């Protein structure tokens, strides 16, 4: 019920489940403590008109690559996978070109990446809430991965909005 209506009150839940409000509270607390129930604050990708990218990577250095990604403001999550590629990375951005620029200029070029396949995710079929990492302190001229958007030809030709963690960022949301 909470997955359908996360702001449903405990009183409403108690009426629907026909148990007392304190019993609902105790069950919710128990589920949260076990990690079975978690709350996520974020943005709905479709409603915010954001774009998603999926990068399938072959690497022998998973941990090092994940550490590299950790400070990237467009990095959402990653999944260890089996098969030819052993890591799938989800990226989010305000436009397709910016995601593709990041992939082509930074992620494919990373020395830990042996091979990479990139796909755009057209649209989620259900609401897809993602936690965004808005950069409050955009005083840096260099990205967390060490790039300089100001000297990038893709940025200069408006093919990329720039990194959200820098003073060069031209976007609105991240």
N, C-alpha and C. Protein backbone atom coordinates (compact mmCIF):
# COMPACT_ATOMS: atom_id res chain seq x y z
N UNK A 1 0.82 -1.19 0.00
CA UNK A 1 0.00 0.00 0.00
C UNK A 1 0.86 1.25 0.00
N UNK A 2 1.94 1.22 0.79
CA UNK A 2 2.82 2.39 0.84
C UNK A 2 3.56 2.59 -0.49
N UNK A 3 3.81 1.51 -1.22
CA UNK A 3 4.48 1.67 -2.51
C UNK A 3 3.57 2.37 -3.51
N UNK A 4 2.27 2.22 -3.35
CA UNK A 4 1.33 2.91 -4.23
C UNK A 4 1.07 4.35 -3.78
N UNK A 5 1.12 4.57 -2.47
CA UNK A 5 0.86 5.90 -1.91
C UNK A 5 1.81 6.13 -0.73
N UNK A 6 3.06 6.54 -1.01
CA UNK A 6 4.07 6.66 0.05
C UNK A 6 3.75 7.68 1.13
N UNK A 7 2.84 8.61 0.87
CA UNK A 7 2.51 9.61 1.89
C UNK A 7 1.25 9.25 2.68
N UNK A 8 0.76 8.02 2.48
CA UNK A 8 -0.42 7.57 3.22
C UNK A 8 -0.11 7.60 4.71
N UNK A 9 -1.02 8.14 5.49
CA UNK A 9 -0.80 8.24 6.94
C UNK A 9 -0.98 6.88 7.61
N UNK A 10 -0.41 6.78 8.79
CA UNK A 10 -0.57 5.55 9.56
C UNK A 10 -2.03 5.33 9.95
N UNK A 11 -2.74 6.42 10.16
CA UNK A 11 -4.17 6.30 10.50
C UNK A 11 -4.94 5.69 9.33
N UNK A 12 -4.64 6.14 8.10
CA UNK A 12 -5.30 5.58 6.91
C UNK A 12 -4.94 4.10 6.75
N UNK A 13 -3.68 3.78 6.97
CA UNK A 13 -3.25 2.39 6.87
C UNK A 13 -3.96 1.52 7.90
N UNK A 14 -4.08 2.03 9.12
CA UNK A 14 -4.73 1.25 10.18
C UNK A 14 -6.18 0.94 9.83
N UNK A 15 -6.87 1.90 9.21
CA UNK A 15 -8.27 1.67 8.79
C UNK A 15 -8.33 0.61 7.69
N UNK A 16 -7.44 0.73 6.69
CA UNK A 16 -7.45 -0.23 5.58
C UNK A 16 -7.06 -1.64 6.03
N UNK A 17 -6.11 -1.74 6.96
CA UNK A 17 -5.65 -3.04 7.42
C UNK A 17 -6.46 -3.59 8.60
N UNK A 18 -7.31 -2.72 9.14
CA UNK A 18 -8.16 -3.08 10.28
C UNK A 18 -7.33 -3.50 11.49
N UNK A 19 -6.27 -2.69 11.74
CA UNK A 19 -5.46 -2.86 12.94
C UNK A 19 -5.24 -1.46 13.52
N UNK A 20 -4.74 -1.41 14.75
CA UNK A 20 -4.58 -0.11 15.40
C UNK A 20 -3.41 0.67 14.79
N UNK A 21 -3.46 1.99 14.97
CA UNK A 21 -2.37 2.85 14.47
C UNK A 21 -1.05 2.51 15.14
N UNK A 22 -1.01 2.26 16.47
CA UNK A 22 0.26 1.86 17.08
C UNK A 22 0.83 0.55 16.49
N UNK A 23 -0.07 -0.36 16.11
CA UNK A 23 0.39 -1.62 15.49
C UNK A 23 1.00 -1.33 14.11
N UNK A 24 0.40 -0.42 13.36
CA UNK A 24 0.95 -0.01 12.06
C UNK A 24 2.32 0.62 12.26
N UNK A 25 2.41 1.52 13.23
CA UNK A 25 3.68 2.19 13.52
C UNK A 25 4.77 1.19 13.87
N UNK A 26 4.43 0.21 14.72
CA UNK A 26 5.40 -0.80 15.14
C UNK A 26 5.86 -1.64 13.95
N UNK A 27 4.94 -2.00 13.07
CA UNK A 27 5.29 -2.81 11.90
C UNK A 27 6.16 -2.03 10.93
N UNK A 28 5.82 -0.78 10.72
CA UNK A 28 6.64 0.07 9.82
C UNK A 28 8.04 0.22 10.39
N UNK A 29 8.15 0.49 11.69
CA UNK A 29 9.47 0.63 12.32
C UNK A 29 10.29 -0.64 12.18
N UNK A 30 9.65 -1.78 12.39
CA UNK A 30 10.34 -3.07 12.28
C UNK A 30 10.84 -3.29 10.84
N UNK A 31 10.00 -3.00 9.87
CA UNK A 31 10.39 -3.15 8.45
C UNK A 31 11.53 -2.21 8.09
N UNK A 32 11.50 -0.99 8.61
CA UNK A 32 12.57 -0.03 8.34
C UNK A 32 13.88 -0.48 8.98
N UNK A 33 13.82 -0.99 10.18
CA UNK A 33 15.03 -1.46 10.88
C UNK A 33 15.66 -2.64 10.15
N UNK A 34 14.83 -3.52 9.58
CA UNK A 34 15.34 -4.67 8.85
C UNK A 34 15.85 -4.28 7.46
N UNK A 35 15.50 -3.08 7.00
CA UNK A 35 15.89 -2.67 5.66
C UNK A 35 14.91 -3.13 4.59
N UNK A 36 13.79 -3.72 5.02
CA UNK A 36 12.78 -4.19 4.08
C UNK A 36 11.97 -3.04 3.52
N UNK A 37 11.83 -1.98 4.29
CA UNK A 37 11.10 -0.79 3.86
C UNK A 37 12.04 0.41 3.92
N UNK A 38 12.15 1.11 2.82
CA UNK A 38 13.00 2.31 2.77
C UNK A 38 12.25 3.40 2.04
N UNK A 39 12.58 4.60 2.36
CA UNK A 39 11.95 5.75 1.71
C UNK A 39 13.01 6.46 0.87
N UNK A 40 12.59 6.88 -0.31
CA UNK A 40 13.50 7.53 -1.23
C UNK A 40 12.91 8.88 -1.63
N UNK A 41 13.69 9.92 -1.48
CA UNK A 41 13.28 11.24 -1.92
C UNK A 41 14.04 11.52 -3.20
N UNK A 42 13.33 11.91 -4.22
CA UNK A 42 14.00 12.17 -5.49
C UNK A 42 13.06 12.79 -6.50
N UNK A 43 13.42 12.62 -7.74
CA UNK A 43 12.69 13.22 -8.85
C UNK A 43 12.20 12.13 -9.79
N UNK A 44 10.97 12.24 -10.26
CA UNK A 44 10.44 11.31 -11.25
C UNK A 44 11.03 11.67 -12.60
N UNK A 45 11.77 10.75 -13.18
CA UNK A 45 12.49 10.99 -14.43
C UNK A 45 11.56 11.48 -15.53
N UNK A 46 10.43 10.81 -15.69
CA UNK A 46 9.52 11.17 -16.78
C UNK A 46 8.89 12.54 -16.56
N UNK A 47 8.42 12.81 -15.35
CA UNK A 47 7.77 14.10 -15.08
C UNK A 47 8.74 15.26 -15.15
N UNK A 48 10.00 15.02 -14.78
CA UNK A 48 11.01 16.08 -14.82
C UNK A 48 11.66 16.19 -16.21
N UNK A 49 11.24 15.32 -17.12
CA UNK A 49 11.75 15.30 -18.50
C UNK A 49 13.27 15.13 -18.54
N UNK A 50 13.74 14.21 -17.72
CA UNK A 50 15.17 13.88 -17.71
C UNK A 50 15.42 12.71 -18.65
N UNK A 51 16.66 12.51 -18.99
CA UNK A 51 17.05 11.41 -19.88
C UNK A 51 17.93 10.44 -19.11
N UNK A 52 17.79 9.17 -19.45
CA UNK A 52 18.58 8.12 -18.82
C UNK A 52 19.46 7.44 -19.85
N UNK A 53 20.64 7.09 -19.42
CA UNK A 53 21.55 6.32 -20.27
C UNK A 53 21.99 5.08 -19.53
N UNK A 54 22.24 4.03 -20.29
CA UNK A 54 22.72 2.76 -19.73
C UNK A 54 24.03 2.43 -20.41
N UNK A 55 25.05 2.25 -19.62
CA UNK A 55 26.38 1.94 -20.14
C UNK A 55 26.78 0.56 -19.62
N UNK A 56 26.94 -0.38 -20.56
CA UNK A 56 27.40 -1.71 -20.20
C UNK A 56 28.91 -1.75 -20.43
N UNK A 57 29.65 -2.11 -19.38
CA UNK A 57 31.10 -2.01 -19.40
C UNK A 57 31.73 -3.37 -19.13
N UNK A 58 32.82 -3.63 -19.84
CA UNK A 58 33.69 -4.76 -19.53
C UNK A 58 34.93 -4.17 -18.86
N UNK A 59 35.21 -4.64 -17.66
CA UNK A 59 36.36 -4.13 -16.91
C UNK A 59 36.95 -5.23 -16.03
N UNK A 60 38.25 -5.16 -15.82
CA UNK A 60 38.90 -6.05 -14.86
C UNK A 60 39.10 -5.33 -13.53
N UNK A 61 38.65 -4.08 -13.46
CA UNK A 61 38.89 -3.24 -12.29
C UNK A 61 37.58 -2.60 -11.82
N UNK A 62 36.64 -3.45 -11.43
CA UNK A 62 35.30 -2.97 -11.05
C UNK A 62 35.37 -1.96 -9.91
N UNK A 63 36.06 -2.30 -8.84
CA UNK A 63 36.10 -1.42 -7.67
C UNK A 63 36.73 -0.06 -7.98
N UNK A 64 37.80 -0.06 -8.76
CA UNK A 64 38.45 1.21 -9.12
C UNK A 64 37.54 2.07 -9.99
N UNK A 65 36.84 1.42 -10.92
CA UNK A 65 35.93 2.18 -11.80
C UNK A 65 34.75 2.73 -11.00
N UNK A 66 34.22 1.96 -10.08
CA UNK A 66 33.12 2.44 -9.24
C UNK A 66 33.57 3.62 -8.38
N UNK A 67 34.78 3.57 -7.89
CA UNK A 67 35.31 4.69 -7.11
C UNK A 67 35.41 5.94 -7.99
N UNK A 68 35.83 5.77 -9.25
CA UNK A 68 35.91 6.87 -10.21
C UNK A 68 34.52 7.48 -10.45
N UNK A 69 33.50 6.62 -10.56
CA UNK A 69 32.13 7.08 -10.81
C UNK A 69 31.49 7.78 -9.62
N UNK A 70 31.90 7.42 -8.44
CA UNK A 70 31.22 7.85 -7.23
C UNK A 70 31.03 9.35 -7.10
N UNK A 71 31.95 10.14 -7.59
CA UNK A 71 31.82 11.59 -7.47
C UNK A 71 31.13 12.24 -8.68
N UNK A 72 30.75 11.43 -9.66
CA UNK A 72 30.12 11.96 -10.87
C UNK A 72 28.67 12.36 -10.59
N UNK A 73 28.29 13.61 -10.85
CA UNK A 73 26.93 14.04 -10.53
C UNK A 73 25.84 13.45 -11.43
N UNK A 74 26.19 12.86 -12.57
CA UNK A 74 25.15 12.25 -13.42
C UNK A 74 25.06 10.74 -13.21
N UNK A 75 25.89 10.20 -12.33
CA UNK A 75 25.89 8.76 -12.03
C UNK A 75 24.78 8.45 -11.03
N UNK A 76 23.89 7.52 -11.42
CA UNK A 76 22.79 7.12 -10.53
C UNK A 76 23.11 5.86 -9.73
N UNK A 77 23.46 4.80 -10.47
CA UNK A 77 23.66 3.52 -9.82
C UNK A 77 24.37 2.61 -10.79
N UNK A 78 24.84 1.49 -10.28
CA UNK A 78 25.45 0.49 -11.15
C UNK A 78 25.09 -0.90 -10.64
N UNK A 79 25.23 -1.86 -11.54
CA UNK A 79 24.86 -3.24 -11.24
C UNK A 79 25.95 -4.16 -11.77
N UNK A 80 26.40 -5.07 -10.93
CA UNK A 80 27.32 -6.10 -11.40
C UNK A 80 26.51 -7.09 -12.23
N UNK A 81 27.02 -7.45 -13.39
CA UNK A 81 26.29 -8.32 -14.29
C UNK A 81 27.18 -9.48 -14.73
N UNK A 82 26.57 -10.48 -15.34
CA UNK A 82 27.32 -11.60 -15.89
C UNK A 82 27.34 -11.47 -17.40
N UNK A 83 28.21 -12.19 -18.05
CA UNK A 83 28.29 -12.14 -19.50
C UNK A 83 29.48 -11.33 -19.97
N UNK A 84 29.43 -10.91 -21.22
CA UNK A 84 30.54 -10.16 -21.84
C UNK A 84 30.88 -8.91 -21.03
N UNK A 85 29.87 -8.15 -20.68
CA UNK A 85 30.06 -6.95 -19.86
C UNK A 85 29.72 -7.30 -18.42
N UNK A 86 30.54 -6.82 -17.50
CA UNK A 86 30.33 -7.20 -16.11
C UNK A 86 29.85 -6.07 -15.21
N UNK A 87 29.53 -4.91 -15.81
CA UNK A 87 29.04 -3.78 -15.03
C UNK A 87 28.07 -2.96 -15.89
N UNK A 88 26.90 -2.68 -15.35
CA UNK A 88 25.93 -1.80 -16.02
C UNK A 88 25.82 -0.54 -15.18
N UNK A 89 25.93 0.61 -15.83
CA UNK A 89 25.92 1.90 -15.15
C UNK A 89 24.72 2.70 -15.65
N UNK A 90 23.95 3.28 -14.73
CA UNK A 90 22.84 4.17 -15.08
C UNK A 90 23.27 5.61 -14.89
N UNK A 91 22.98 6.43 -15.90
CA UNK A 91 23.33 7.85 -15.87
C UNK A 91 22.07 8.67 -16.11
N UNK A 92 22.03 9.89 -15.60
CA UNK A 92 20.88 10.77 -15.79
C UNK A 92 21.38 12.14 -16.22
N UNK A 93 20.59 12.79 -17.08
CA UNK A 93 20.97 14.12 -17.52
C UNK A 93 19.78 14.90 -18.07
N UNK A 94 19.99 16.19 -18.24
CA UNK A 94 18.92 17.05 -18.74
C UNK A 94 18.80 17.01 -20.26
N UNK A 95 19.85 16.55 -20.93
CA UNK A 95 19.72 16.34 -22.36
C UNK A 95 20.58 15.16 -22.79
N UNK A 96 20.24 14.59 -23.93
CA UNK A 96 20.91 13.40 -24.43
C UNK A 96 22.38 13.69 -24.74
N UNK A 97 22.63 14.81 -25.35
CA UNK A 97 23.99 15.14 -25.76
C UNK A 97 24.96 15.21 -24.58
N UNK A 98 24.50 15.72 -23.47
CA UNK A 98 25.37 15.81 -22.30
C UNK A 98 25.75 14.43 -21.76
N UNK A 99 24.78 13.53 -21.73
CA UNK A 99 25.08 12.17 -21.28
C UNK A 99 26.06 11.52 -22.26
N UNK A 100 25.79 11.65 -23.55
CA UNK A 100 26.66 11.05 -24.56
C UNK A 100 28.06 11.66 -24.52
N UNK A 101 28.15 12.95 -24.28
CA UNK A 101 29.46 13.61 -24.17
C UNK A 101 30.26 13.05 -23.01
N UNK A 102 29.60 12.87 -21.88
CA UNK A 102 30.26 12.31 -20.70
C UNK A 102 30.74 10.89 -21.01
N UNK A 103 29.89 10.10 -21.62
CA UNK A 103 30.25 8.72 -21.94
C UNK A 103 31.43 8.69 -22.91
N UNK A 104 31.32 9.44 -24.00
CA UNK A 104 32.36 9.39 -25.04
C UNK A 104 33.67 10.04 -24.61
N UNK A 105 33.60 11.14 -23.89
CA UNK A 105 34.80 11.88 -23.53
C UNK A 105 35.48 11.40 -22.25
N UNK A 106 34.72 10.77 -21.35
CA UNK A 106 35.28 10.43 -20.06
C UNK A 106 35.19 8.94 -19.72
N UNK A 107 34.01 8.37 -19.87
CA UNK A 107 33.84 6.99 -19.40
C UNK A 107 34.45 5.96 -20.34
N UNK A 108 34.22 6.09 -21.64
CA UNK A 108 34.83 5.15 -22.60
C UNK A 108 36.36 5.26 -22.58
N UNK A 109 36.86 6.46 -22.30
CA UNK A 109 38.31 6.71 -22.32
C UNK A 109 39.01 6.28 -21.04
N UNK A 110 38.24 5.91 -20.04
CA UNK A 110 38.83 5.54 -18.76
C UNK A 110 39.71 4.30 -18.93
N UNK A 111 40.91 4.31 -18.36
CA UNK A 111 41.81 3.17 -18.53
C UNK A 111 41.30 1.86 -17.93
N UNK A 112 40.32 1.92 -17.04
CA UNK A 112 39.77 0.71 -16.45
C UNK A 112 38.74 0.05 -17.36
N UNK A 113 38.30 0.74 -18.43
CA UNK A 113 37.26 0.23 -19.32
C UNK A 113 37.90 -0.47 -20.52
N UNK A 114 37.60 -1.78 -20.67
CA UNK A 114 38.08 -2.53 -21.84
C UNK A 114 37.15 -2.35 -23.03
N UNK A 115 35.85 -2.36 -22.75
CA UNK A 115 34.84 -2.25 -23.80
C UNK A 115 33.60 -1.61 -23.17
N UNK A 116 32.85 -0.87 -23.99
CA UNK A 116 31.64 -0.22 -23.47
C UNK A 116 30.58 -0.13 -24.57
N UNK A 117 29.36 -0.42 -24.17
CA UNK A 117 28.20 -0.28 -25.06
C UNK A 117 27.22 0.67 -24.39
N UNK A 118 26.80 1.69 -25.14
CA UNK A 118 25.92 2.72 -24.58
C UNK A 118 24.56 2.67 -25.25
N UNK A 119 23.51 2.75 -24.44
CA UNK A 119 22.13 2.83 -24.94
C UNK A 119 21.40 3.92 -24.18
N UNK A 120 20.51 4.60 -24.88
CA UNK A 120 19.60 5.53 -24.21
C UNK A 120 18.39 4.76 -23.76
N UNK A 121 17.91 5.07 -22.59
CA UNK A 121 16.67 4.48 -22.12
C UNK A 121 15.57 5.44 -22.56
N UNK A 122 14.67 4.95 -23.38
CA UNK A 122 13.68 5.83 -24.00
C UNK A 122 12.71 6.40 -22.98
N UNK A 123 12.07 5.54 -22.21
CA UNK A 123 11.15 6.03 -21.19
C UNK A 123 10.86 4.92 -20.18
N UNK A 124 10.78 5.25 -18.91
CA UNK A 124 10.38 4.22 -17.95
C UNK A 124 8.88 3.96 -18.07
N UNK A 125 8.48 2.73 -17.89
CA UNK A 125 7.07 2.36 -18.01
C UNK A 125 6.28 2.69 -16.75
N UNK A 126 6.97 2.81 -15.64
CA UNK A 126 6.35 3.15 -14.37
C UNK A 126 7.06 4.38 -13.83
N UNK A 127 6.49 5.03 -12.85
CA UNK A 127 7.24 6.14 -12.24
C UNK A 127 8.61 5.65 -11.78
N UNK A 128 9.62 6.40 -12.11
CA UNK A 128 10.99 6.03 -11.76
C UNK A 128 11.61 7.20 -11.01
N UNK A 129 11.68 7.04 -9.70
CA UNK A 129 12.17 8.10 -8.83
C UNK A 129 13.68 7.92 -8.65
N UNK A 130 14.41 8.97 -8.93
CA UNK A 130 15.86 8.91 -8.78
C UNK A 130 16.32 9.99 -7.83
N UNK A 131 17.26 9.64 -6.95
CA UNK A 131 17.83 10.66 -6.08
C UNK A 131 18.85 11.47 -6.88
N UNK A 132 18.65 12.76 -6.96
CA UNK A 132 19.59 13.60 -7.69
C UNK A 132 20.62 14.14 -6.72
N UNK A 133 21.80 14.43 -7.26
CA UNK A 133 22.87 14.99 -6.45
C UNK A 133 23.14 16.42 -6.92
N UNK A 134 22.23 17.33 -6.62
CA UNK A 134 22.49 18.70 -7.08
C UNK A 134 23.74 19.24 -6.40
N UNK A 135 24.54 19.88 -7.17
CA UNK A 135 25.79 20.42 -6.64
C UNK A 135 25.54 21.84 -6.14
N UNK A 136 25.54 22.00 -4.83
CA UNK A 136 25.29 23.30 -4.23
C UNK A 136 26.49 24.21 -4.42
N UNK A 137 27.66 23.63 -4.32
CA UNK A 137 28.90 24.40 -4.44
C UNK A 137 29.47 24.24 -5.84
N UNK A 138 29.05 25.10 -6.77
CA UNK A 138 29.52 25.03 -8.15
C UNK A 138 30.66 26.01 -8.38
N UNK A 139 31.60 26.03 -7.49
CA UNK A 139 32.69 26.99 -7.61
C UNK A 139 33.92 26.40 -8.26
N UNK A 140 33.84 25.15 -8.64
CA UNK A 140 35.01 24.48 -9.21
C UNK A 140 35.05 24.67 -10.72
N UNK A 141 36.24 24.85 -11.24
CA UNK A 141 36.41 24.96 -12.68
C UNK A 141 36.68 23.61 -13.32
N UNK A 142 37.03 22.63 -12.48
CA UNK A 142 37.36 21.30 -12.96
C UNK A 142 36.33 20.31 -12.41
N UNK A 143 35.96 19.34 -13.22
CA UNK A 143 34.98 18.33 -12.82
C UNK A 143 35.56 17.39 -11.77
N UNK A 144 34.72 16.64 -11.05
CA UNK A 144 35.24 15.67 -10.08
C UNK A 144 36.17 14.63 -10.71
N UNK A 145 35.99 14.36 -12.02
CA UNK A 145 36.86 13.38 -12.68
C UNK A 145 38.11 14.03 -13.26
N UNK A 146 38.26 15.35 -13.07
CA UNK A 146 39.48 16.04 -13.50
C UNK A 146 39.41 16.74 -14.84
N UNK A 147 38.26 16.72 -15.50
CA UNK A 147 38.13 17.37 -16.81
C UNK A 147 37.85 18.86 -16.64
N UNK A 148 38.11 19.62 -17.68
CA UNK A 148 37.83 21.05 -17.67
C UNK A 148 36.82 21.36 -18.76
N UNK A 149 35.57 21.58 -18.37
CA UNK A 149 34.51 21.85 -19.35
C UNK A 149 34.80 23.09 -20.18
N UNK A 150 35.42 24.08 -19.58
CA UNK A 150 35.71 25.32 -20.30
C UNK A 150 36.59 25.12 -21.51
N UNK A 151 37.42 24.11 -21.51
CA UNK A 151 38.31 23.84 -22.63
C UNK A 151 37.80 22.74 -23.55
N UNK A 152 36.59 22.27 -23.34
CA UNK A 152 36.03 21.15 -24.12
C UNK A 152 35.33 21.67 -25.37
N UNK A 153 35.62 21.07 -26.53
CA UNK A 153 34.99 21.49 -27.78
C UNK A 153 33.50 21.16 -27.80
N UNK A 154 33.10 20.07 -27.16
CA UNK A 154 31.67 19.72 -27.11
C UNK A 154 30.90 20.76 -26.31
N UNK A 155 31.48 21.21 -25.23
CA UNK A 155 30.87 22.25 -24.40
C UNK A 155 30.83 23.57 -25.16
N UNK A 156 31.93 23.93 -25.81
CA UNK A 156 32.01 25.20 -26.55
C UNK A 156 31.02 25.26 -27.70
N UNK A 157 30.71 24.10 -28.30
CA UNK A 157 29.77 24.06 -29.42
C UNK A 157 28.34 23.78 -28.97
N UNK A 158 28.08 23.89 -27.68
CA UNK A 158 26.75 23.65 -27.08
C UNK A 158 26.22 22.24 -27.30
N UNK A 159 27.11 21.28 -27.46
CA UNK A 159 26.70 19.88 -27.57
C UNK A 159 26.63 19.24 -26.19
N UNK A 160 27.07 19.96 -25.18
CA UNK A 160 27.06 19.45 -23.81
C UNK A 160 26.77 20.62 -22.87
N UNK A 161 25.99 20.36 -21.83
CA UNK A 161 25.66 21.39 -20.84
C UNK A 161 26.79 21.60 -19.84
N UNK A 162 27.78 20.73 -19.86
CA UNK A 162 28.86 20.81 -18.87
C UNK A 162 28.54 19.98 -17.66
N UNK A 163 29.51 19.82 -16.81
CA UNK A 163 29.35 19.01 -15.60
C UNK A 163 28.59 19.82 -14.54
N UNK A 164 27.55 19.22 -13.95
CA UNK A 164 26.78 19.92 -12.91
C UNK A 164 27.59 20.32 -11.69
N UNK A 165 28.78 19.77 -11.53
CA UNK A 165 29.59 20.09 -10.35
C UNK A 165 30.53 21.26 -10.60
N UNK A 166 30.40 21.92 -11.75
CA UNK A 166 31.33 23.01 -12.06
C UNK A 166 30.61 24.34 -12.31
N UNK A 167 31.39 25.39 -12.37
CA UNK A 167 30.86 26.73 -12.69
C UNK A 167 30.42 26.81 -14.15
N UNK A 168 30.84 25.86 -14.96
CA UNK A 168 30.52 25.87 -16.39
C UNK A 168 29.12 25.34 -16.71
N UNK A 169 28.47 24.72 -15.76
CA UNK A 169 27.20 24.03 -16.01
C UNK A 169 26.13 25.00 -16.52
N UNK A 170 25.51 24.65 -17.65
CA UNK A 170 24.47 25.49 -18.27
C UNK A 170 23.05 24.96 -18.02
N UNK A 171 22.93 23.86 -17.32
CA UNK A 171 21.61 23.26 -17.08
C UNK A 171 20.87 23.93 -15.93
N UNK A 172 19.69 23.39 -15.65
CA UNK A 172 18.82 23.97 -14.62
C UNK A 172 18.64 23.08 -13.39
N UNK A 173 18.60 21.77 -13.58
CA UNK A 173 18.12 20.88 -12.52
C UNK A 173 19.20 20.24 -11.68
N UNK A 174 20.25 19.75 -12.26
CA UNK A 174 21.25 18.97 -11.51
C UNK A 174 22.20 19.85 -10.74
